[in-house]
Amino acid sequence: MSMLVAAIAFVPLLAIAIAHFIWSLGGTWPIRDEALLANTVTGFPGRTRMPPKIASFGVAVAVLAAGIVVLSLADRTAGGFWLSTLGVLAGLVFFARGVAGYTAWFAKLTPEEPFRSLDRKIYSPLCIGLGAAFVVLVILRLV
């Protein structure tokens, strides 16, 4: 069961890491131009350019690291207390991001379309699901 949960969580994490890596190289995949990509993935008003490439690279590395952690959590004998603690913290970060996407504060901060609609329909639910996966994997390590 743990391997299935970890694999299901790893797939979107890997896809997100790959997308951010492509953006760190200056690509705009899967969107046709940078302005639309910026409105699709950031949602900040007046943004016509993507954040600095180093920021996208940092996100790519962090998300890939989260993917490695989620896979490691599936092995009950790996990492001990510290890996479980890291799993809970990662779960809380993803869960908090997901919940934040439904708040009026975050909607006011990131009102641009198509980000606003995609956040409600895809980004926030995905983050909540990833947060839940991390916590479930930690619980499965303990039982």
N, C-alpha and C. Protein backbone atom coordinates (compact mmCIF):
# COMPACT_ATOMS: atom_id res chain seq x y z
N MET A 1 0.83 -1.20 0.00
CA MET A 1 0.00 0.00 0.00
C MET A 1 0.87 1.26 0.00
N SER A 2 1.94 1.26 0.81
CA SER A 2 2.83 2.42 0.88
C SER A 2 3.45 2.75 -0.47
N MET A 3 3.89 1.72 -1.18
CA MET A 3 4.52 1.96 -2.48
C MET A 3 3.53 2.57 -3.47
N LEU A 4 2.29 2.14 -3.42
CA LEU A 4 1.27 2.68 -4.32
C LEU A 4 1.02 4.17 -4.03
N VAL A 5 0.86 4.50 -2.74
CA VAL A 5 0.64 5.89 -2.36
C VAL A 5 1.85 6.75 -2.78
N ALA A 6 3.05 6.24 -2.51
CA ALA A 6 4.27 6.98 -2.86
C ALA A 6 4.38 7.17 -4.37
N ALA A 7 4.08 6.14 -5.13
CA ALA A 7 4.18 6.24 -6.59
C ALA A 7 3.17 7.24 -7.14
N ILE A 8 1.95 7.20 -6.61
CA ILE A 8 0.91 8.13 -7.07
C ILE A 8 1.30 9.57 -6.74
N ALA A 9 1.93 9.79 -5.60
CA ALA A 9 2.36 11.14 -5.22
C ALA A 9 3.60 11.56 -6.01
N PHE A 10 4.47 10.61 -6.32
CA PHE A 10 5.72 10.95 -7.00
C PHE A 10 5.49 11.43 -8.43
N VAL A 11 4.53 10.87 -9.12
CA VAL A 11 4.32 11.22 -10.53
C VAL A 11 4.05 12.72 -10.72
N PRO A 12 3.10 13.33 -10.00
CA PRO A 12 2.92 14.77 -10.21
C PRO A 12 4.11 15.59 -9.71
N LEU A 13 4.77 15.13 -8.65
CA LEU A 13 5.95 15.85 -8.17
C LEU A 13 7.04 15.86 -9.24
N LEU A 14 7.26 14.74 -9.88
CA LEU A 14 8.26 14.67 -10.95
C LEU A 14 7.86 15.57 -12.12
N ALA A 15 6.59 15.55 -12.49
CA ALA A 15 6.12 16.41 -13.60
C ALA A 15 6.31 17.88 -13.27
N ILE A 16 6.01 18.26 -12.05
CA ILE A 16 6.17 19.66 -11.63
C ILE A 16 7.65 20.04 -11.64
N ALA A 17 8.51 19.14 -11.15
CA ALA A 17 9.95 19.41 -11.14
C ALA A 17 10.48 19.57 -12.56
N ILE A 18 10.04 18.72 -13.47
CA ILE A 18 10.49 18.81 -14.86
C ILE A 18 10.04 20.14 -15.48
N ALA A 19 8.78 20.52 -15.25
CA ALA A 19 8.28 21.79 -15.80
C ALA A 19 9.11 22.96 -15.28
N HIS A 20 9.36 22.99 -13.98
CA HIS A 20 10.15 24.09 -13.42
C HIS A 20 11.58 24.08 -13.96
N PHE A 21 12.14 22.91 -14.18
CA PHE A 21 13.48 22.83 -14.74
C PHE A 21 13.49 23.42 -16.16
N ILE A 22 12.48 23.07 -16.96
CA ILE A 22 12.38 23.61 -18.32
C ILE A 22 12.26 25.14 -18.26
N TRP A 23 11.45 25.64 -17.32
CA TRP A 23 11.29 27.09 -17.18
C TRP A 23 12.60 27.74 -16.74
N SER A 24 13.40 27.02 -15.94
CA SER A 24 14.67 27.59 -15.49
C SER A 24 15.66 27.72 -16.65
N LEU A 25 15.42 26.97 -17.71
CA LEU A 25 16.26 27.06 -18.90
C LEU A 25 15.73 28.08 -19.90
N GLY A 26 14.61 28.72 -19.57
CA GLY A 26 14.03 29.73 -20.44
C GLY A 26 12.90 29.23 -21.32
N GLY A 27 12.55 27.96 -21.21
CA GLY A 27 11.44 27.41 -21.98
C GLY A 27 10.10 27.86 -21.44
N THR A 28 9.07 27.75 -22.25
CA THR A 28 7.73 28.13 -21.81
C THR A 28 6.75 26.96 -21.88
N TRP A 29 7.25 25.76 -22.08
CA TRP A 29 6.39 24.59 -22.18
C TRP A 29 5.53 24.48 -20.94
N PRO A 30 4.28 24.17 -21.01
CA PRO A 30 3.49 23.80 -22.18
C PRO A 30 2.68 24.95 -22.76
N ILE A 31 3.05 26.18 -22.42
CA ILE A 31 2.32 27.37 -22.86
C ILE A 31 3.09 28.04 -24.00
N ARG A 32 2.38 28.70 -24.88
CA ARG A 32 3.00 29.24 -26.09
C ARG A 32 3.87 30.48 -25.88
N ASP A 33 3.60 31.28 -24.84
CA ASP A 33 4.43 32.47 -24.63
C ASP A 33 4.60 32.76 -23.15
N GLU A 34 5.61 33.55 -22.84
CA GLU A 34 5.98 33.79 -21.44
C GLU A 34 4.91 34.53 -20.66
N ALA A 35 4.25 35.50 -21.26
CA ALA A 35 3.23 36.27 -20.54
C ALA A 35 2.07 35.38 -20.11
N LEU A 36 1.61 34.53 -21.02
CA LEU A 36 0.52 33.62 -20.67
C LEU A 36 0.98 32.60 -19.64
N LEU A 37 2.21 32.12 -19.77
CA LEU A 37 2.75 31.18 -18.78
C LEU A 37 2.80 31.83 -17.41
N ALA A 38 3.27 33.07 -17.34
CA ALA A 38 3.33 33.78 -16.06
C ALA A 38 1.95 33.92 -15.44
N ASN A 39 0.94 34.23 -16.24
CA ASN A 39 -0.43 34.34 -15.72
C ASN A 39 -1.01 32.99 -15.35
N THR A 40 -0.52 31.93 -15.97
CA THR A 40 -1.02 30.59 -15.69
C THR A 40 -0.43 30.02 -14.41
N VAL A 41 0.83 30.32 -14.14
CA VAL A 41 1.48 29.67 -12.99
C VAL A 41 1.74 30.57 -11.80
N THR A 42 1.61 31.90 -11.95
CA THR A 42 1.83 32.77 -10.79
C THR A 42 0.57 33.49 -10.34
N GLY A 43 -0.18 34.05 -11.27
CA GLY A 43 -1.43 34.71 -10.93
C GLY A 43 -1.31 36.11 -10.37
N PHE A 44 -0.08 36.64 -10.27
CA PHE A 44 0.09 37.99 -9.74
C PHE A 44 -0.32 39.03 -10.78
N PRO A 45 -0.98 40.09 -10.35
CA PRO A 45 -1.44 41.11 -11.29
C PRO A 45 -0.28 41.79 -12.02
N GLY A 46 -0.47 42.04 -13.30
CA GLY A 46 0.49 42.76 -14.10
C GLY A 46 1.75 42.00 -14.46
N ARG A 47 1.82 40.73 -14.12
CA ARG A 47 3.03 39.95 -14.43
C ARG A 47 3.01 39.57 -15.90
N THR A 48 4.08 39.93 -16.61
CA THR A 48 4.20 39.57 -18.02
C THR A 48 5.42 38.68 -18.26
N ARG A 49 6.21 38.49 -17.20
CA ARG A 49 7.41 37.66 -17.32
C ARG A 49 7.40 36.65 -16.17
N MET A 50 8.07 35.55 -16.42
CA MET A 50 8.22 34.54 -15.38
C MET A 50 9.19 35.04 -14.31
N PRO A 51 9.10 34.49 -13.10
CA PRO A 51 10.08 34.83 -12.07
C PRO A 51 11.49 34.49 -12.56
N PRO A 52 12.53 34.96 -11.86
CA PRO A 52 13.90 34.68 -12.29
C PRO A 52 14.14 33.17 -12.49
N LYS A 53 14.97 32.85 -13.46
CA LYS A 53 15.25 31.45 -13.79
C LYS A 53 15.81 30.69 -12.60
N ILE A 54 16.59 31.34 -11.77
CA ILE A 54 17.16 30.67 -10.60
C ILE A 54 16.05 30.24 -9.63
N ALA A 55 14.97 31.02 -9.57
CA ALA A 55 13.84 30.67 -8.71
C ALA A 55 13.17 29.41 -9.23
N SER A 56 12.98 29.33 -10.54
CA SER A 56 12.38 28.12 -11.13
C SER A 56 13.28 26.91 -10.90
N PHE A 57 14.59 27.12 -11.00
CA PHE A 57 15.52 26.01 -10.75
C PHE A 57 15.44 25.57 -9.29
N GLY A 58 15.36 26.53 -8.38
CA GLY A 58 15.23 26.20 -6.96
C GLY A 58 13.96 25.42 -6.66
N VAL A 59 12.86 25.82 -7.28
CA VAL A 59 11.61 25.09 -7.09
C VAL A 59 11.73 23.69 -7.67
N ALA A 60 12.37 23.56 -8.83
CA ALA A 60 12.56 22.24 -9.44
C ALA A 60 13.32 21.32 -8.50
N VAL A 61 14.39 21.82 -7.91
CA VAL A 61 15.20 21.01 -6.99
C VAL A 61 14.40 20.66 -5.74
N ALA A 62 13.68 21.63 -5.18
CA ALA A 62 12.89 21.39 -3.97
C ALA A 62 11.79 20.36 -4.22
N VAL A 63 11.12 20.47 -5.35
CA VAL A 63 10.03 19.53 -5.65
C VAL A 63 10.57 18.14 -5.94
N LEU A 64 11.70 18.06 -6.63
CA LEU A 64 12.33 16.76 -6.85
C LEU A 64 12.76 16.14 -5.52
N ALA A 65 13.28 16.96 -4.62
CA ALA A 65 13.65 16.48 -3.28
C ALA A 65 12.42 15.95 -2.55
N ALA A 66 11.29 16.66 -2.68
CA ALA A 66 10.04 16.19 -2.07
C ALA A 66 9.64 14.84 -2.65
N GLY A 67 9.86 14.67 -3.96
CA GLY A 67 9.56 13.39 -4.59
C GLY A 67 10.43 12.27 -4.04
N ILE A 68 11.70 12.57 -3.81
CA ILE A 68 12.59 11.56 -3.24
C ILE A 68 12.17 11.22 -1.82
N VAL A 69 11.76 12.23 -1.07
CA VAL A 69 11.28 11.98 0.30
C VAL A 69 10.03 11.12 0.27
N VAL A 70 9.10 11.43 -0.62
CA VAL A 70 7.85 10.65 -0.65
C VAL A 70 8.13 9.19 -1.01
N LEU A 71 9.07 8.96 -1.92
CA LEU A 71 9.43 7.57 -2.24
C LEU A 71 10.14 6.90 -1.06
N SER A 72 10.99 7.65 -0.37
CA SER A 72 11.71 7.10 0.77
C SER A 72 10.76 6.73 1.91
N LEU A 73 9.70 7.49 2.07
CA LEU A 73 8.74 7.21 3.14
C LEU A 73 8.07 5.86 2.97
N ALA A 74 8.03 5.36 1.76
CA ALA A 74 7.38 4.06 1.52
C ALA A 74 8.18 2.91 2.12
N ASP A 75 9.48 3.14 2.37
CA ASP A 75 10.32 2.12 3.00
C ASP A 75 10.30 2.35 4.51
N ARG A 76 9.63 1.49 5.24
CA ARG A 76 9.47 1.66 6.68
C ARG A 76 10.78 1.65 7.43
N THR A 77 11.81 1.06 6.85
CA THR A 77 13.09 0.95 7.55
C THR A 77 14.05 2.10 7.24
N ALA A 78 13.70 2.95 6.31
CA ALA A 78 14.60 4.03 5.88
C ALA A 78 14.41 5.28 6.74
N GLY A 79 15.52 5.92 7.09
CA GLY A 79 15.48 7.26 7.64
C GLY A 79 15.03 7.44 9.07
N GLY A 80 14.33 6.51 9.62
CA GLY A 80 13.90 6.60 11.01
C GLY A 80 13.07 7.82 11.33
N PHE A 81 13.28 8.32 12.54
CA PHE A 81 12.52 9.44 13.08
C PHE A 81 12.64 10.68 12.21
N TRP A 82 13.85 10.99 11.72
CA TRP A 82 14.08 12.22 10.97
C TRP A 82 13.36 12.22 9.63
N LEU A 83 13.32 11.08 8.97
CA LEU A 83 12.59 11.01 7.71
C LEU A 83 11.10 11.17 7.95
N SER A 84 10.61 10.54 9.00
CA SER A 84 9.19 10.69 9.33
C SER A 84 8.86 12.13 9.66
N THR A 85 9.74 12.80 10.40
CA THR A 85 9.53 14.21 10.74
C THR A 85 9.53 15.07 9.48
N LEU A 86 10.49 14.81 8.60
CA LEU A 86 10.55 15.53 7.32
C LEU A 86 9.28 15.28 6.51
N GLY A 87 8.77 14.05 6.53
CA GLY A 87 7.54 13.73 5.82
C GLY A 87 6.34 14.50 6.36
N VAL A 88 6.25 14.62 7.68
CA VAL A 88 5.15 15.38 8.27
C VAL A 88 5.28 16.85 7.90
N LEU A 89 6.49 17.40 7.98
CA LEU A 89 6.69 18.81 7.62
C LEU A 89 6.35 19.07 6.16
N ALA A 90 6.81 18.20 5.27
CA ALA A 90 6.48 18.35 3.85
C ALA A 90 4.97 18.26 3.65
N GLY A 91 4.34 17.33 4.33
CA GLY A 91 2.88 17.20 4.23
C GLY A 91 2.17 18.46 4.68
N LEU A 92 2.65 19.06 5.76
CA LEU A 92 2.04 20.29 6.26
C LEU A 92 2.24 21.44 5.28
N VAL A 93 3.42 21.53 4.68
CA VAL A 93 3.67 22.60 3.70
C VAL A 93 2.73 22.46 2.50
N PHE A 94 2.63 21.25 1.95
CA PHE A 94 1.73 21.05 0.81
C PHE A 94 0.28 21.30 1.20
N PHE A 95 -0.11 20.78 2.36
CA PHE A 95 -1.49 20.97 2.80
C PHE A 95 -1.80 22.44 3.01
N ALA A 96 -0.87 23.19 3.64
CA ALA A 96 -1.07 24.62 3.87
C ALA A 96 -1.20 25.38 2.55
N ARG A 97 -0.37 25.03 1.57
CA ARG A 97 -0.47 25.69 0.25
C ARG A 97 -1.81 25.40 -0.40
N GLY A 98 -2.26 24.17 -0.27
CA GLY A 98 -3.54 23.80 -0.85
C GLY A 98 -4.70 24.55 -0.22
N VAL A 99 -4.71 24.61 1.09
CA VAL A 99 -5.78 25.32 1.80
C VAL A 99 -5.72 26.82 1.51
N ALA A 100 -4.50 27.37 1.46
CA ALA A 100 -4.35 28.80 1.19
C ALA A 100 -5.00 29.19 -0.14
N GLY A 101 -4.95 28.30 -1.10
CA GLY A 101 -5.54 28.58 -2.41
C GLY A 101 -7.03 28.85 -2.39
N TYR A 102 -7.69 28.45 -1.31
CA TYR A 102 -9.14 28.67 -1.18
C TYR A 102 -9.48 29.87 -0.30
N THR A 103 -8.47 30.59 0.17
CA THR A 103 -8.74 31.74 1.03
C THR A 103 -8.93 33.01 0.21
N ALA A 104 -9.68 33.95 0.79
CA ALA A 104 -9.90 35.24 0.14
C ALA A 104 -8.58 36.00 0.02
N TRP A 105 -7.71 35.86 1.01
CA TRP A 105 -6.42 36.53 1.00
C TRP A 105 -5.60 36.11 -0.22
N PHE A 106 -5.52 34.80 -0.46
CA PHE A 106 -4.73 34.30 -1.59
C PHE A 106 -5.39 34.67 -2.92
N ALA A 107 -6.72 34.64 -2.96
CA ALA A 107 -7.43 35.02 -4.18
C ALA A 107 -7.18 36.50 -4.52
N LYS A 108 -7.10 37.33 -3.50
CA LYS A 108 -6.81 38.75 -3.73
C LYS A 108 -5.36 38.95 -4.16
N LEU A 109 -4.46 38.14 -3.62
CA LEU A 109 -3.03 38.22 -3.96
C LEU A 109 -2.75 37.75 -5.38
N THR A 110 -3.52 36.74 -5.84
CA THR A 110 -3.28 36.12 -7.16
C THR A 110 -4.58 36.07 -7.97
N PRO A 111 -5.07 37.24 -8.43
CA PRO A 111 -6.37 37.26 -9.10
C PRO A 111 -6.34 36.95 -10.59
N GLU A 112 -5.16 36.92 -11.21
CA GLU A 112 -5.09 36.78 -12.66
C GLU A 112 -5.59 35.43 -13.15
N GLU A 113 -6.29 35.47 -14.26
CA GLU A 113 -6.71 34.25 -14.95
C GLU A 113 -5.65 33.92 -16.00
N PRO A 114 -5.43 32.68 -16.28
CA PRO A 114 -6.17 31.51 -15.85
C PRO A 114 -5.71 30.93 -14.51
N PHE A 115 -4.71 31.56 -13.83
CA PHE A 115 -4.23 31.00 -12.57
C PHE A 115 -5.35 30.82 -11.56
N ARG A 116 -6.17 31.84 -11.38
CA ARG A 116 -7.19 31.78 -10.32
C ARG A 116 -8.09 30.56 -10.50
N SER A 117 -8.58 30.31 -11.70
CA SER A 117 -9.44 29.15 -11.94
C SER A 117 -8.67 27.84 -11.79
N LEU A 118 -7.46 27.80 -12.35
CA LEU A 118 -6.65 26.58 -12.26
C LEU A 118 -6.27 26.27 -10.81
N ASP A 119 -6.06 27.31 -10.02
CA ASP A 119 -5.72 27.09 -8.62
C ASP A 119 -6.86 26.42 -7.87
N ARG A 120 -8.07 26.89 -8.10
CA ARG A 120 -9.23 26.29 -7.43
C ARG A 120 -9.50 24.87 -7.91
N LYS A 121 -9.29 24.62 -9.20
CA LYS A 121 -9.64 23.32 -9.78
C LYS A 121 -8.52 22.30 -9.74
N ILE A 122 -7.26 22.74 -9.84
CA ILE A 122 -6.15 21.79 -9.99
C ILE A 122 -5.06 21.98 -8.93
N TYR A 123 -4.47 23.17 -8.86
CA TYR A 123 -3.28 23.37 -8.02
C TYR A 123 -3.57 23.12 -6.54
N SER A 124 -4.59 23.76 -6.00
CA SER A 124 -4.89 23.60 -4.57
C SER A 124 -5.33 22.17 -4.22
N PRO A 125 -6.24 21.56 -4.99
CA PRO A 125 -6.58 20.17 -4.65
C PRO A 125 -5.37 19.23 -4.75
N LEU A 126 -4.50 19.47 -5.73
CA LEU A 126 -3.31 18.64 -5.87
C LEU A 126 -2.42 18.79 -4.64
N CYS A 127 -2.22 20.03 -4.19
CA CYS A 127 -1.39 20.25 -3.00
C CYS A 127 -1.99 19.59 -1.76
N ILE A 128 -3.29 19.68 -1.60
CA ILE A 128 -3.95 19.02 -0.46
C ILE A 128 -3.75 17.51 -0.56
N GLY A 129 -3.92 16.95 -1.76
CA GLY A 129 -3.71 15.52 -1.96
C GLY A 129 -2.28 15.10 -1.67
N LEU A 130 -1.31 15.91 -2.12
CA LEU A 130 0.09 15.59 -1.86
C LEU A 130 0.39 15.68 -0.36
N GLY A 131 -0.15 16.69 0.30
CA GLY A 131 0.02 16.79 1.75
C GLY A 131 -0.54 15.58 2.45
N ALA A 132 -1.71 15.15 2.03
CA ALA A 132 -2.33 13.96 2.62
C ALA A 132 -1.48 12.72 2.37
N ALA A 133 -0.91 12.61 1.18
CA ALA A 133 -0.07 11.45 0.86
C ALA A 133 1.14 11.37 1.79
N PHE A 134 1.79 12.50 2.02
CA PHE A 134 2.93 12.51 2.93
C PHE A 134 2.52 12.04 4.32
N VAL A 135 1.41 12.58 4.83
CA VAL A 135 0.96 12.20 6.17
C VAL A 135 0.55 10.75 6.23
N VAL A 136 -0.17 10.27 5.22
CA VAL A 136 -0.56 8.86 5.17
C VAL A 136 0.66 7.96 5.17
N LEU A 137 1.68 8.31 4.41
CA LEU A 137 2.89 7.50 4.38
C LEU A 137 3.59 7.47 5.73
N VAL A 138 3.60 8.59 6.43
CA VAL A 138 4.19 8.61 7.78
C VAL A 138 3.38 7.72 8.71
N ILE A 139 2.06 7.82 8.63
CA ILE A 139 1.22 6.98 9.48
C ILE A 139 1.45 5.50 9.18
N LEU A 140 1.54 5.15 7.91
CA LEU A 140 1.78 3.75 7.54
C LEU A 140 3.13 3.26 8.03
N ARG A 141 4.10 4.17 8.19
CA ARG A 141 5.40 3.79 8.75
C ARG A 141 5.29 3.43 10.21
N LEU A 142 4.31 4.02 10.89
CA LEU A 142 4.18 3.85 12.34
C LEU A 142 3.32 2.67 12.75
N VAL A 143 2.49 2.21 11.84
CA VAL A 143 1.58 1.09 12.21
C VAL A 143 2.16 -0.25 11.80
